[in-house]
Every structure is written in C-alpha cells, then in structure tokens.
C-alpha cells in the first residue's frame, strides 16, 4: 500500500554549483524548514533537481497545488509569479523541460488537466561555475520566500499574477 501524497508540492530546480542558478534548490530547502513548523505533517512535499525532466510529471499526480521555482534572467522585479499552461514547445522532445512542456506531459500521461501550478521565477544574473549566489539574488530569494510562506497557507494565491 502506498503512502498518501501530500496535497502541496514545491519543486525547485537549478545547479547549486553555478552561482544564482542555486536559487531554486536554496528556495526549496529554506521553505521546507518553514513548512515543517507551519503546516501539519504530510501536507507539503519539497523536491529539488538540476532541471525539470519528464519524470517530474509523475510528481504532480494527486496534488491540489504545485509551486515550481527557478532562477530567471532578465527580470526587473525580485521575482515574478505566473501560471503556466500545458503546451508543447521545443523542450518537449529533450531531456530538460520547460514548465509548460512538463504540464503537457502530465496531461498526456494522466489524460486530465494538471493540478493548479504556479511558477515562481526569482531574479538572477550570475551563473559562474563554483560561485555562490550573489547578494542581490539572496535578497530577492528572501522576498520570494516571504511570498511563498503565504502561498503555503493561502490557496487563493494561486490566482495572483506577479509582484
């Protein structure tokens, strides 16, 4: 018999060895600490990886809400919230996927719409191998974490767009 699936999933990706690219995994690590204190056991699952992959579509099964987190270049705000929709794109046939392609894989595998997904893109600009995240990226990470702490407790935040 399998264990119950946590209704909330937080999935962050990035390379911890490449400067600001570490923001996704760092975000998940820090949010998980908060979630353990703020939520009942079993209400949220936190996952990290180097990139989105086809296999992550299975991690969405049985969820009520999903928060996808990644570092992003070219943002003017500390972070941006969006709501990706299932769609094929150029990443659909590669090993690494874009969020929309991940949702498309889910739709095709499960033959149903994916759970509500929120994409949290955190401003980033330094990706040098062996470097730590920059000061601005860490400040932006703190702001994104403050927003996400509310997201954990407030289902209506799924509907909000951007900061």
N, C-alpha and C. Protein backbone atom coordinates (compact mmCIF):
# COMPACT_ATOMS: atom_id res chain seq x y z
N UNK A 1 0.84 -1.18 0.00
CA UNK A 1 0.00 0.00 0.00
C UNK A 1 0.89 1.24 0.00
N UNK A 2 0.61 2.22 -0.86
CA UNK A 2 1.43 3.41 -0.94
C UNK A 2 0.96 4.47 0.05
N UNK A 3 1.88 5.32 0.47
CA UNK A 3 1.56 6.40 1.38
C UNK A 3 0.76 7.47 0.65
N UNK A 4 -0.01 8.23 1.40
CA UNK A 4 -0.79 9.33 0.82
C UNK A 4 0.15 10.38 0.24
N UNK A 5 -0.27 10.99 -0.84
CA UNK A 5 0.50 12.04 -1.49
C UNK A 5 0.18 13.37 -0.81
N UNK A 6 1.20 14.14 -0.49
CA UNK A 6 1.00 15.46 0.10
C UNK A 6 0.23 16.33 -0.89
N UNK A 7 -0.76 17.09 -0.43
CA UNK A 7 -1.55 17.90 -1.35
C UNK A 7 -0.77 19.03 -2.01
N UNK A 8 0.27 19.52 -1.35
CA UNK A 8 1.10 20.60 -1.91
C UNK A 8 2.46 20.05 -2.31
N UNK A 9 2.91 20.48 -3.47
CA UNK A 9 4.25 20.13 -3.94
C UNK A 9 5.00 21.41 -4.25
N UNK A 10 6.22 21.50 -3.76
CA UNK A 10 7.14 22.58 -4.12
C UNK A 10 8.32 21.92 -4.81
N UNK A 11 8.54 22.29 -6.07
CA UNK A 11 9.60 21.70 -6.89
C UNK A 11 10.49 22.81 -7.41
N UNK A 12 11.73 22.82 -6.95
CA UNK A 12 12.70 23.82 -7.40
C UNK A 12 13.85 23.16 -8.12
N UNK A 13 14.39 23.84 -9.11
CA UNK A 13 15.50 23.27 -9.85
C UNK A 13 16.57 24.30 -10.11
N UNK A 14 17.78 23.78 -10.34
CA UNK A 14 18.94 24.61 -10.61
C UNK A 14 20.20 23.90 -10.17
N UNK A 15 21.33 24.45 -10.54
CA UNK A 15 22.62 23.86 -10.22
C UNK A 15 23.24 24.61 -9.04
N UNK A 16 23.34 23.96 -7.88
CA UNK A 16 23.91 24.62 -6.70
C UNK A 16 25.36 25.06 -6.88
N UNK A 17 26.04 24.60 -7.92
CA UNK A 17 27.44 24.97 -8.16
C UNK A 17 27.59 26.12 -9.14
N UNK A 18 26.50 26.73 -9.56
CA UNK A 18 26.57 27.78 -10.58
C UNK A 18 25.92 29.08 -10.10
N UNK A 19 26.45 29.68 -9.07
CA UNK A 19 26.01 31.00 -8.63
C UNK A 19 24.51 31.08 -8.38
N UNK A 20 23.87 32.05 -9.04
CA UNK A 20 22.45 32.29 -8.83
C UNK A 20 21.57 31.14 -9.30
N UNK A 21 22.10 30.22 -10.09
CA UNK A 21 21.31 29.07 -10.52
C UNK A 21 20.92 28.20 -9.32
N UNK A 22 21.57 28.41 -8.19
CA UNK A 22 21.26 27.67 -6.97
C UNK A 22 19.97 28.15 -6.31
N UNK A 23 19.36 29.21 -6.80
CA UNK A 23 18.19 29.79 -6.12
C UNK A 23 17.03 28.81 -5.97
N UNK A 24 16.75 28.00 -6.98
CA UNK A 24 15.65 27.04 -6.89
C UNK A 24 15.85 26.06 -5.75
N UNK A 25 16.98 25.34 -5.72
CA UNK A 25 17.22 24.42 -4.60
C UNK A 25 17.32 25.11 -3.24
N UNK A 26 17.96 26.29 -3.19
CA UNK A 26 18.03 27.02 -1.92
C UNK A 26 16.64 27.40 -1.42
N UNK A 27 15.81 27.86 -2.34
CA UNK A 27 14.43 28.23 -2.01
C UNK A 27 13.71 27.04 -1.37
N UNK A 28 13.78 25.89 -2.02
CA UNK A 28 13.08 24.70 -1.52
C UNK A 28 13.60 24.31 -0.14
N UNK A 29 14.90 24.33 0.04
CA UNK A 29 15.49 23.98 1.33
C UNK A 29 14.98 24.89 2.44
N UNK A 30 14.95 26.19 2.18
CA UNK A 30 14.53 27.15 3.20
C UNK A 30 13.02 27.12 3.43
N UNK A 31 12.26 26.93 2.36
CA UNK A 31 10.81 26.87 2.52
C UNK A 31 10.41 25.60 3.27
N UNK A 32 11.13 24.51 3.05
CA UNK A 32 10.84 23.26 3.73
C UNK A 32 10.99 23.44 5.24
N UNK A 33 11.98 24.18 5.68
CA UNK A 33 12.16 24.44 7.11
C UNK A 33 10.94 25.18 7.67
N UNK A 34 10.47 26.17 6.94
CA UNK A 34 9.28 26.92 7.36
C UNK A 34 8.05 26.01 7.37
N UNK A 35 7.88 25.21 6.33
CA UNK A 35 6.70 24.35 6.21
C UNK A 35 6.62 23.35 7.35
N UNK A 36 7.75 22.83 7.78
CA UNK A 36 7.76 21.87 8.89
C UNK A 36 7.22 22.48 10.17
N UNK A 37 7.45 23.80 10.34
CA UNK A 37 6.96 24.49 11.54
C UNK A 37 5.52 24.98 11.38
N UNK A 38 5.11 25.32 10.15
CA UNK A 38 3.83 25.99 9.94
C UNK A 38 2.68 25.07 9.53
N UNK A 39 2.99 23.89 9.02
CA UNK A 39 1.95 23.02 8.46
C UNK A 39 1.94 21.66 9.13
N UNK A 40 0.79 21.00 9.11
CA UNK A 40 0.74 19.64 9.66
C UNK A 40 1.63 18.71 8.84
N UNK A 41 2.16 17.68 9.48
CA UNK A 41 3.00 16.71 8.75
C UNK A 41 2.23 16.11 7.57
N UNK A 42 2.95 15.92 6.47
CA UNK A 42 2.35 15.32 5.29
C UNK A 42 1.58 16.26 4.40
N UNK A 43 1.55 17.58 4.70
CA UNK A 43 0.79 18.49 3.85
C UNK A 43 1.57 19.08 2.69
N UNK A 44 2.90 19.01 2.75
CA UNK A 44 3.70 19.54 1.64
C UNK A 44 4.90 18.62 1.41
N UNK A 45 5.20 18.43 0.13
CA UNK A 45 6.41 17.70 -0.25
C UNK A 45 7.29 18.67 -1.01
N UNK A 46 8.58 18.66 -0.69
CA UNK A 46 9.54 19.55 -1.33
C UNK A 46 10.57 18.71 -2.08
N UNK A 47 10.77 19.03 -3.36
CA UNK A 47 11.70 18.31 -4.22
C UNK A 47 12.64 19.29 -4.92
N UNK A 48 13.86 18.85 -5.18
CA UNK A 48 14.79 19.63 -5.98
C UNK A 48 15.42 18.74 -7.03
N UNK A 49 15.90 19.38 -8.09
CA UNK A 49 16.62 18.68 -9.14
C UNK A 49 17.45 19.71 -9.89
N UNK A 50 18.31 19.23 -10.79
CA UNK A 50 19.11 20.15 -11.60
C UNK A 50 18.29 20.78 -12.71
N UNK A 51 17.26 20.06 -13.17
CA UNK A 51 16.39 20.58 -14.25
C UNK A 51 15.07 19.83 -14.21
N UNK A 52 14.06 20.43 -14.83
CA UNK A 52 12.79 19.72 -14.98
C UNK A 52 12.97 18.60 -15.98
N UNK A 53 12.40 17.46 -15.68
CA UNK A 53 12.50 16.29 -16.54
C UNK A 53 11.12 15.66 -16.71
N UNK A 54 11.00 14.83 -17.72
CA UNK A 54 9.73 14.16 -18.00
C UNK A 54 9.20 13.44 -16.76
N UNK A 55 10.09 12.82 -16.02
CA UNK A 55 9.69 12.06 -14.83
C UNK A 55 8.98 12.90 -13.79
N UNK A 56 9.22 14.21 -13.77
CA UNK A 56 8.57 15.07 -12.79
C UNK A 56 7.06 15.16 -13.01
N UNK A 57 6.59 14.81 -14.19
CA UNK A 57 5.14 14.80 -14.42
C UNK A 57 4.45 13.87 -13.42
N UNK A 58 5.11 12.78 -13.06
CA UNK A 58 4.53 11.84 -12.10
C UNK A 58 4.48 12.43 -10.69
N UNK A 59 5.37 13.37 -10.39
CA UNK A 59 5.35 14.02 -9.08
C UNK A 59 4.13 14.91 -8.90
N UNK A 60 3.47 15.29 -9.99
CA UNK A 60 2.29 16.15 -9.92
C UNK A 60 1.00 15.38 -9.61
N UNK A 61 1.03 14.07 -9.78
CA UNK A 61 -0.17 13.24 -9.62
C UNK A 61 -0.68 13.34 -8.18
N UNK A 62 -1.98 13.63 -8.05
CA UNK A 62 -2.64 13.66 -6.76
C UNK A 62 -2.47 14.95 -5.98
N UNK A 63 -1.87 15.96 -6.56
CA UNK A 63 -1.63 17.23 -5.84
C UNK A 63 -2.82 18.17 -5.98
N UNK A 64 -3.00 19.01 -4.97
CA UNK A 64 -4.02 20.08 -5.02
C UNK A 64 -3.43 21.35 -5.62
N UNK A 65 -2.16 21.62 -5.30
CA UNK A 65 -1.45 22.79 -5.84
C UNK A 65 0.02 22.47 -5.95
N UNK A 66 0.67 23.12 -6.93
CA UNK A 66 2.10 22.91 -7.17
C UNK A 66 2.78 24.27 -7.33
N UNK A 67 3.92 24.41 -6.67
CA UNK A 67 4.75 25.60 -6.83
C UNK A 67 6.06 25.17 -7.49
N UNK A 68 6.33 25.71 -8.67
CA UNK A 68 7.55 25.43 -9.43
C UNK A 68 8.47 26.64 -9.26
N UNK A 69 9.75 26.41 -8.97
CA UNK A 69 10.65 27.51 -8.62
C UNK A 69 11.96 27.38 -9.38
N UNK A 70 12.38 28.50 -10.01
CA UNK A 70 13.63 28.52 -10.75
C UNK A 70 14.21 29.92 -10.75
N UNK A 71 15.51 30.01 -10.97
CA UNK A 71 16.18 31.29 -11.20
C UNK A 71 15.87 31.73 -12.63
N UNK A 72 15.80 33.05 -12.83
CA UNK A 72 15.46 33.55 -14.16
C UNK A 72 16.21 34.85 -14.45
N UNK A 73 16.78 34.93 -15.64
CA UNK A 73 17.48 36.15 -16.06
C UNK A 73 16.50 37.12 -16.69
N UNK A 74 16.85 38.39 -16.66
CA UNK A 74 16.07 39.40 -17.36
C UNK A 74 14.86 39.92 -16.60
N UNK A 75 14.72 39.61 -15.34
CA UNK A 75 13.58 40.11 -14.56
C UNK A 75 13.91 41.48 -13.99
N UNK A 76 12.93 42.36 -13.99
CA UNK A 76 13.13 43.66 -13.36
C UNK A 76 12.73 43.61 -11.88
N UNK A 77 11.76 42.78 -11.56
CA UNK A 77 11.30 42.62 -10.17
C UNK A 77 12.12 41.52 -9.50
N UNK A 78 12.13 41.49 -8.16
CA UNK A 78 12.86 40.44 -7.45
C UNK A 78 12.37 39.04 -7.81
N UNK A 79 11.09 38.91 -8.07
CA UNK A 79 10.53 37.64 -8.52
C UNK A 79 9.24 37.90 -9.27
N UNK A 80 8.87 36.94 -10.09
CA UNK A 80 7.65 37.05 -10.89
C UNK A 80 6.87 35.76 -10.75
N UNK A 81 5.57 35.90 -10.60
CA UNK A 81 4.66 34.77 -10.48
C UNK A 81 3.90 34.64 -11.80
N UNK A 82 3.79 33.41 -12.29
CA UNK A 82 2.96 33.16 -13.48
C UNK A 82 2.29 31.80 -13.30
N UNK A 83 1.38 31.51 -14.19
CA UNK A 83 0.62 30.27 -14.13
C UNK A 83 0.73 29.57 -15.47
N UNK A 84 1.75 28.71 -15.61
CA UNK A 84 1.96 28.04 -16.90
C UNK A 84 0.79 27.12 -17.25
N UNK A 85 0.55 26.99 -18.53
CA UNK A 85 -0.48 26.10 -19.05
C UNK A 85 0.21 25.01 -19.87
N UNK A 86 -0.41 23.86 -19.92
CA UNK A 86 0.14 22.75 -20.69
C UNK A 86 0.27 23.15 -22.15
N UNK A 87 1.46 22.93 -22.71
CA UNK A 87 1.70 23.24 -24.12
C UNK A 87 2.99 22.57 -24.57
N UNK A 88 2.97 22.09 -25.79
CA UNK A 88 4.20 21.58 -26.38
C UNK A 88 5.09 22.78 -26.73
N UNK A 89 6.37 22.59 -26.56
CA UNK A 89 7.33 23.60 -27.01
C UNK A 89 8.60 22.86 -27.43
N UNK A 90 9.62 23.61 -27.76
CA UNK A 90 10.85 22.99 -28.26
C UNK A 90 11.49 22.07 -27.23
N UNK A 91 11.21 22.29 -25.94
CA UNK A 91 11.83 21.44 -24.91
C UNK A 91 11.12 20.11 -24.76
N UNK A 92 9.96 19.96 -25.38
CA UNK A 92 9.15 18.75 -25.20
C UNK A 92 9.88 17.49 -25.62
N UNK A 93 10.79 17.60 -26.56
CA UNK A 93 11.48 16.41 -27.05
C UNK A 93 12.90 16.27 -26.49
N UNK A 94 13.25 17.07 -25.50
CA UNK A 94 14.58 16.98 -24.91
C UNK A 94 14.48 16.41 -23.50
N UNK A 95 15.62 16.20 -22.88
CA UNK A 95 15.63 15.66 -21.53
C UNK A 95 15.16 16.71 -20.51
N UNK A 96 15.58 17.95 -20.67
CA UNK A 96 15.15 19.04 -19.79
C UNK A 96 13.90 19.68 -20.37
N UNK A 97 12.95 19.99 -19.48
CA UNK A 97 11.67 20.53 -19.94
C UNK A 97 11.43 21.93 -19.43
N UNK A 98 10.65 22.69 -20.17
CA UNK A 98 10.08 23.94 -19.70
C UNK A 98 8.84 23.58 -18.88
N UNK A 99 8.39 24.45 -17.97
CA UNK A 99 7.20 24.15 -17.18
C UNK A 99 5.97 23.80 -18.02
N UNK A 100 5.72 24.53 -19.10
CA UNK A 100 4.55 24.24 -19.95
C UNK A 100 4.65 22.84 -20.56
N UNK A 101 5.85 22.45 -20.96
CA UNK A 101 6.03 21.11 -21.54
C UNK A 101 5.84 20.03 -20.47
N UNK A 102 6.29 20.29 -19.24
CA UNK A 102 6.06 19.35 -18.15
C UNK A 102 4.57 19.13 -17.95
N UNK A 103 3.81 20.20 -17.96
CA UNK A 103 2.36 20.09 -17.78
C UNK A 103 1.72 19.36 -18.95
N UNK A 104 2.26 19.53 -20.15
CA UNK A 104 1.77 18.79 -21.31
C UNK A 104 2.01 17.29 -21.15
N UNK A 105 3.19 16.93 -20.66
CA UNK A 105 3.49 15.51 -20.40
C UNK A 105 2.50 14.96 -19.39
N UNK A 106 2.24 15.70 -18.34
CA UNK A 106 1.26 15.26 -17.33
C UNK A 106 -0.10 15.03 -17.98
N UNK A 107 -0.55 15.98 -18.79
CA UNK A 107 -1.86 15.88 -19.44
C UNK A 107 -1.94 14.64 -20.32
N UNK A 108 -0.89 14.36 -21.05
CA UNK A 108 -0.91 13.20 -21.93
C UNK A 108 -0.82 11.88 -21.16
N UNK A 109 -0.07 11.86 -20.08
CA UNK A 109 0.04 10.64 -19.29
C UNK A 109 -1.22 10.35 -18.49
N UNK A 110 -1.78 11.38 -17.87
CA UNK A 110 -2.90 11.20 -16.96
C UNK A 110 -4.26 11.38 -17.62
N UNK A 111 -4.26 11.95 -18.83
CA UNK A 111 -5.50 12.21 -19.56
C UNK A 111 -6.47 13.09 -18.76
N UNK A 112 -5.88 14.07 -18.09
CA UNK A 112 -6.64 15.06 -17.33
C UNK A 112 -5.78 16.31 -17.19
N UNK A 113 -6.42 17.39 -16.81
CA UNK A 113 -5.67 18.63 -16.58
C UNK A 113 -4.75 18.47 -15.38
N UNK A 114 -3.59 19.12 -15.40
CA UNK A 114 -2.70 19.07 -14.24
C UNK A 114 -3.30 19.88 -13.09
N UNK A 115 -2.79 19.67 -11.89
CA UNK A 115 -3.24 20.50 -10.76
C UNK A 115 -2.83 21.95 -11.00
N UNK A 116 -3.46 22.90 -10.30
CA UNK A 116 -3.05 24.30 -10.45
C UNK A 116 -1.56 24.46 -10.13
N UNK A 117 -0.84 25.04 -11.08
CA UNK A 117 0.61 25.23 -10.93
C UNK A 117 0.95 26.72 -10.97
N UNK A 118 1.80 27.10 -10.06
CA UNK A 118 2.32 28.46 -10.01
C UNK A 118 3.82 28.39 -10.26
N UNK A 119 4.30 29.20 -11.17
CA UNK A 119 5.73 29.28 -11.45
C UNK A 119 6.27 30.53 -10.77
N UNK A 120 7.25 30.35 -9.91
CA UNK A 120 7.92 31.43 -9.21
C UNK A 120 9.31 31.57 -9.81
N UNK A 121 9.53 32.63 -10.55
CA UNK A 121 10.83 32.91 -11.17
C UNK A 121 11.53 33.96 -10.32
N UNK A 122 12.74 33.64 -9.85
CA UNK A 122 13.49 34.54 -8.99
C UNK A 122 14.62 35.18 -9.81
N UNK A 123 14.72 36.50 -9.71
CA UNK A 123 15.72 37.24 -10.49
C UNK A 123 17.12 36.73 -10.22
N UNK A 124 17.87 36.54 -11.30
CA UNK A 124 19.23 36.01 -11.22
C UNK A 124 20.07 36.57 -12.36
N UNK A 125 21.39 36.69 -12.14
CA UNK A 125 22.23 37.16 -13.24
C UNK A 125 23.67 36.63 -13.20
N UNK A 126 24.04 35.86 -12.18
CA UNK A 126 25.40 35.34 -12.08
C UNK A 126 25.36 33.81 -12.08
N UNK A 127 25.99 33.19 -13.07
CA UNK A 127 25.92 31.73 -13.20
C UNK A 127 27.30 31.10 -13.36
N UNK A 128 28.32 31.71 -12.77
CA UNK A 128 29.67 31.19 -12.90
C UNK A 128 29.84 29.90 -12.10
N UNK A 129 30.50 28.93 -12.70
CA UNK A 129 30.76 27.65 -12.05
C UNK A 129 31.63 27.87 -10.82
N UNK A 130 31.20 27.27 -9.70
CA UNK A 130 31.96 27.36 -8.47
C UNK A 130 31.66 28.58 -7.62
N UNK A 131 30.83 29.47 -8.11
CA UNK A 131 30.50 30.69 -7.36
C UNK A 131 29.25 30.48 -6.52
N UNK A 132 29.15 31.23 -5.42
CA UNK A 132 27.96 31.24 -4.58
C UNK A 132 26.95 32.23 -5.19
N UNK A 133 25.69 32.14 -4.81
CA UNK A 133 24.73 33.14 -5.28
C UNK A 133 25.15 34.55 -4.83
N UNK A 134 24.85 35.53 -5.67
CA UNK A 134 25.21 36.91 -5.37
C UNK A 134 24.31 37.52 -4.31
N UNK A 135 24.74 38.64 -3.77
CA UNK A 135 24.00 39.33 -2.72
C UNK A 135 22.60 39.74 -3.15
N UNK A 136 22.46 40.28 -4.37
CA UNK A 136 21.14 40.69 -4.85
C UNK A 136 20.23 39.48 -5.01
N UNK A 137 20.78 38.38 -5.53
CA UNK A 137 19.98 37.17 -5.69
C UNK A 137 19.49 36.65 -4.34
N UNK A 138 20.33 36.70 -3.32
CA UNK A 138 19.93 36.23 -2.00
C UNK A 138 18.87 37.14 -1.39
N UNK A 139 18.97 38.44 -1.64
CA UNK A 139 17.93 39.37 -1.16
C UNK A 139 16.61 39.09 -1.87
N UNK A 140 16.67 38.84 -3.17
CA UNK A 140 15.46 38.51 -3.93
C UNK A 140 14.87 37.18 -3.47
N UNK A 141 15.75 36.23 -3.15
CA UNK A 141 15.31 34.94 -2.61
C UNK A 141 14.52 35.14 -1.32
N UNK A 142 14.99 36.01 -0.44
CA UNK A 142 14.28 36.27 0.82
C UNK A 142 12.88 36.82 0.56
N UNK A 143 12.75 37.71 -0.41
CA UNK A 143 11.42 38.25 -0.75
C UNK A 143 10.52 37.17 -1.33
N UNK A 144 11.07 36.32 -2.18
CA UNK A 144 10.29 35.23 -2.75
C UNK A 144 9.84 34.25 -1.66
N UNK A 145 10.69 33.99 -0.71
CA UNK A 145 10.33 33.10 0.40
C UNK A 145 9.19 33.68 1.24
N UNK A 146 9.22 34.98 1.47
CA UNK A 146 8.14 35.62 2.23
C UNK A 146 6.80 35.44 1.50
N UNK A 147 6.81 35.63 0.18
CA UNK A 147 5.59 35.41 -0.60
C UNK A 147 5.15 33.95 -0.51
N UNK A 148 6.08 33.03 -0.62
CA UNK A 148 5.76 31.61 -0.65
C UNK A 148 5.24 31.10 0.69
N UNK A 149 5.67 31.70 1.77
CA UNK A 149 5.12 31.30 3.07
C UNK A 149 3.62 31.55 3.10
N UNK A 150 3.18 32.65 2.50
CA UNK A 150 1.73 32.90 2.37
C UNK A 150 1.10 31.91 1.41
N UNK A 151 1.79 31.59 0.30
CA UNK A 151 1.25 30.65 -0.68
C UNK A 151 0.94 29.31 -0.03
N UNK A 152 1.80 28.86 0.86
CA UNK A 152 1.59 27.58 1.52
C UNK A 152 0.26 27.54 2.27
N UNK A 153 -0.09 28.66 2.87
CA UNK A 153 -1.27 28.73 3.73
C UNK A 153 -2.52 29.28 3.06
N UNK A 154 -2.37 29.85 1.85
CA UNK A 154 -3.47 30.57 1.21
C UNK A 154 -3.70 30.08 -0.21
N UNK A 155 -4.66 29.17 -0.43
CA UNK A 155 -4.92 28.67 -1.78
C UNK A 155 -5.22 29.77 -2.79
N UNK A 156 -5.79 30.90 -2.36
CA UNK A 156 -6.13 31.97 -3.30
C UNK A 156 -4.91 32.59 -3.95
N UNK A 157 -3.73 32.43 -3.38
CA UNK A 157 -2.52 32.99 -4.00
C UNK A 157 -2.22 32.31 -5.33
N UNK A 158 -2.81 31.16 -5.59
CA UNK A 158 -2.64 30.52 -6.89
C UNK A 158 -3.15 31.43 -8.00
N UNK A 159 -4.11 32.26 -7.68
CA UNK A 159 -4.74 33.09 -8.69
C UNK A 159 -4.05 34.42 -8.91
N UNK A 160 -3.16 34.85 -8.01
CA UNK A 160 -2.47 36.12 -8.18
C UNK A 160 -1.42 36.01 -9.26
N UNK A 161 -1.18 37.09 -9.94
CA UNK A 161 -0.22 37.06 -11.05
C UNK A 161 1.19 37.38 -10.60
N UNK A 162 1.59 38.61 -10.57
CA UNK A 162 3.00 38.93 -10.34
C UNK A 162 3.17 39.98 -9.26
N UNK A 163 4.38 40.03 -8.72
CA UNK A 163 4.74 41.04 -7.74
C UNK A 163 4.98 42.34 -8.48
